C-alpha atoms as a PDB file:
ATOM      1  CA  MET A   1     -17.179   1.794 -15.029  1.00  0.00           C
ATOM      2  CA  ALA A   2     -16.709  -0.083 -11.817  1.00  0.00           C
ATOM      3  CA  LYS A   3     -14.464   1.072  -9.005  1.00  0.00           C
ATOM      4  CA  GLY A   4     -12.620  -1.334  -6.748  1.00  0.00           C
ATOM      5  CA  LEU A   5      -9.234  -2.420  -5.472  1.00  0.00           C
ATOM      6  CA  ILE A   6      -6.291  -4.308  -6.984  1.00  0.00           C
ATOM      7  CA  ARG A   7      -4.089  -6.144  -4.468  1.00  0.00           C
ATOM      8  CA  TYR A   8      -0.606  -7.264  -5.428  1.00  0.00           C
ATOM      9  CA  TRP A   9       1.179 -10.206  -3.801  1.00  0.00           C
ATOM     10  CA  ALA A  10       4.871 -11.151  -3.580  1.00  0.00           C
ATOM     11  CA  ALA A  11       6.758 -10.383  -6.839  1.00  0.00           C
ATOM     12  CA  ALA A  12       3.741  -8.474  -8.168  1.00  0.00           C
ATOM     13  CA  ARG A  13       3.894  -6.174  -5.132  1.00  0.00           C
ATOM     14  CA  ALA A  14       7.603  -5.600  -5.668  1.00  0.00           C
ATOM     15  CA  ALA A  15       7.160  -4.869  -9.386  1.00  0.00           C
ATOM     16  CA  ALA A  16       4.168  -2.581  -8.776  1.00  0.00           C
ATOM     17  CA  GLY A  17       5.898  -0.712  -5.964  1.00  0.00           C
ATOM     18  CA  THR A  18       2.704  -0.863  -3.908  1.00  0.00           C
ATOM     19  CA  ALA A  19       0.574  -3.424  -2.091  1.00  0.00           C
ATOM     20  CA  GLU A  20      -2.693  -2.167  -3.544  1.00  0.00           C
ATOM     21  CA  GLU A  21      -4.299   0.494  -5.679  1.00  0.00           C
ATOM     22  CA  PRO A  22      -7.790   1.411  -6.893  1.00  0.00           C
ATOM     23  CA  TYR A  23      -9.219   0.414 -10.244  1.00  0.00           C
ATOM     24  CA  ASP A  24     -11.748   2.268 -12.354  1.00  0.00           C
ATOM     25  CA  ALA A  25     -12.500  -0.133 -15.197  1.00  0.00           C
ATOM     26  CA  THR A  26     -15.185  -2.308 -16.736  1.00  0.00           C
ATOM     27  CA  THR A  27     -13.039  -5.396 -17.388  1.00  0.00           C
ATOM     28  CA  LEU A  28      -9.989  -7.042 -15.897  1.00  0.00           C
ATOM     29  CA  ALA A  29      -8.060  -6.274 -19.107  1.00  0.00           C
ATOM     30  CA  GLU A  30      -8.838  -2.544 -18.762  1.00  0.00           C
ATOM     31  CA  ALA A  31      -7.774  -2.529 -15.105  1.00  0.00           C
ATOM     32  CA  LEU A  32      -4.487  -4.319 -15.848  1.00  0.00           C
ATOM     33  CA  THR A  33      -3.716  -2.083 -18.826  1.00  0.00           C
ATOM     34  CA  ALA A  34      -4.255   1.014 -16.685  1.00  0.00           C
ATOM     35  CA  ALA A  35      -2.133  -0.440 -13.869  1.00  0.00           C
ATOM     36  CA  ALA A  36       0.729  -1.213 -16.278  1.00  0.00           C
ATOM     37  CA  ALA A  37       0.629   2.142 -18.071  1.00  0.00           C
ATOM     38  CA  ASP A  38       3.256   3.916 -15.968  1.00  0.00           C
ATOM     39  CA  ARG A  39       5.295   0.907 -14.922  1.00  0.00           C
ATOM     40  CA  GLY A  40       8.248  -0.754 -16.581  1.00  0.00           C
ATOM     41  CA  THR A  41       8.662  -4.022 -18.391  1.00  0.00           C
ATOM     42  CA  ASP A  42       9.305  -5.973 -15.163  1.00  0.00           C
ATOM     43  CA  PHE A  43       5.735  -5.289 -14.089  1.00  0.00           C
ATOM     44  CA  GLY A  44       4.414  -6.479 -17.449  1.00  0.00           C
ATOM     45  CA  ARG A  45       6.426  -9.698 -17.204  1.00  0.00           C
ATOM     46  CA  VAL A  46       5.058 -10.374 -13.725  1.00  0.00           C
ATOM     47  CA  LEU A  47       1.478  -9.762 -14.902  1.00  0.00           C
ATOM     48  CA  ALA A  48       1.987 -12.131 -17.841  1.00  0.00           C
ATOM     49  CA  ARG A  49       2.881 -14.966 -15.436  1.00  0.00           C
ATOM     50  CA  SER A  50       0.322 -14.157 -12.741  1.00  0.00           C
ATOM     51  CA  SER A  51      -3.016 -15.665 -11.809  1.00  0.00           C
ATOM     52  CA  PHE A  52      -5.969 -13.473 -10.911  1.00  0.00           C
ATOM     53  CA  LEU A  53      -8.867 -13.702  -8.507  1.00  0.00           C
ATOM     54  CA  VAL A  54     -11.893 -11.420  -8.735  1.00  0.00           C
ATOM     55  CA  ASP A  55     -13.719 -11.297  -5.419  1.00  0.00           C
ATOM     56  CA  GLY A  56     -12.114 -14.621  -4.521  1.00  0.00           C
ATOM     57  CA  ALA A  57     -13.122 -16.415  -7.738  1.00  0.00           C
ATOM     58  CA  PRO A  58     -10.282 -17.632  -9.986  1.00  0.00           C
ATOM     59  CA  VAL A  59     -10.174 -16.103 -13.454  1.00  0.00           C
ATOM     60  CA  GLY A  60      -8.350 -19.169 -14.786  1.00  0.00           C
ATOM     61  CA  THR A  61      -7.816 -19.226 -18.539  1.00  0.00           C
ATOM     62  CA  ARG A  62     -10.611 -16.785 -19.365  1.00  0.00           C
ATOM     63  CA  ASP A  63      -9.699 -13.806 -21.529  1.00  0.00           C
ATOM     64  CA  PRO A  64      -9.233 -10.811 -19.176  1.00  0.00           C
ATOM     65  CA  ALA A  65     -11.251  -8.719 -21.668  1.00  0.00           C
ATOM     66  CA  ALA A  66     -14.225 -10.992 -20.979  1.00  0.00           C
ATOM     67  CA  VAL A  67     -13.969 -10.730 -17.181  1.00  0.00           C
ATOM     68  CA  THR A  68     -16.336  -8.013 -15.986  1.00  0.00           C
ATOM     69  CA  LEU A  69     -15.306  -6.292 -12.780  1.00  0.00           C
ATOM     70  CA  PRO A  70     -17.868  -5.576 -10.081  1.00  0.00           C
ATOM     71  CA  ASP A  71     -18.271  -2.221  -8.425  1.00  0.00           C
ATOM     72  CA  GLY A  72     -16.568  -2.404  -5.041  1.00  0.00           C
ATOM     73  CA  GLY A  73     -14.734  -5.600  -6.040  1.00  0.00           C
ATOM     74  CA  THR A  74     -11.222  -6.803  -5.331  1.00  0.00           C
ATOM     75  CA  VAL A  75      -8.749  -8.145  -7.874  1.00  0.00           C
ATOM     76  CA  GLU A  76      -5.903 -10.235  -6.440  1.00  0.00           C
ATOM     77  CA  VAL A  77      -2.729 -10.478  -8.561  1.00  0.00           C
ATOM     78  CA  LEU A  78      -0.908 -13.697  -7.660  1.00  0.00           C
ATOM     79  CA  PRO A  79       2.483 -14.326  -9.249  1.00  0.00           C
ATOM     80  CA  PRO A  80       3.862 -17.873  -9.263  1.00  0.00           C
ATOM     81  CA  PHE A  81       4.985 -18.879  -5.775  1.00  0.00           C
ATOM     82  CA  ALA A  82       7.912 -21.151  -4.947  1.00  0.00           C
ATOM     83  CA  GLY A  83       8.187 -23.451  -1.991  1.00  0.00           C
ATOM     84  CA  GLY A  84       5.815 -25.829  -0.365  1.00  0.00           C
END
């Protein structure tokens, strides 16, 4: 298992109720499942619409279960942003 940090931005921060929290997971899917475990459906809806960066690299359309997390890494949760 890798340990690192999840950072939440904008609507993800509001739904999570925190700006950041640690992860202890092997994959992005495991980290997101653990993060969502004690949160309501609003958090799940935000995650479903969000983009993710792992150490600054976009996850894109890859399956979160196939995205291995590094020890000491940072996951950024980026919900859709409005404006320009």
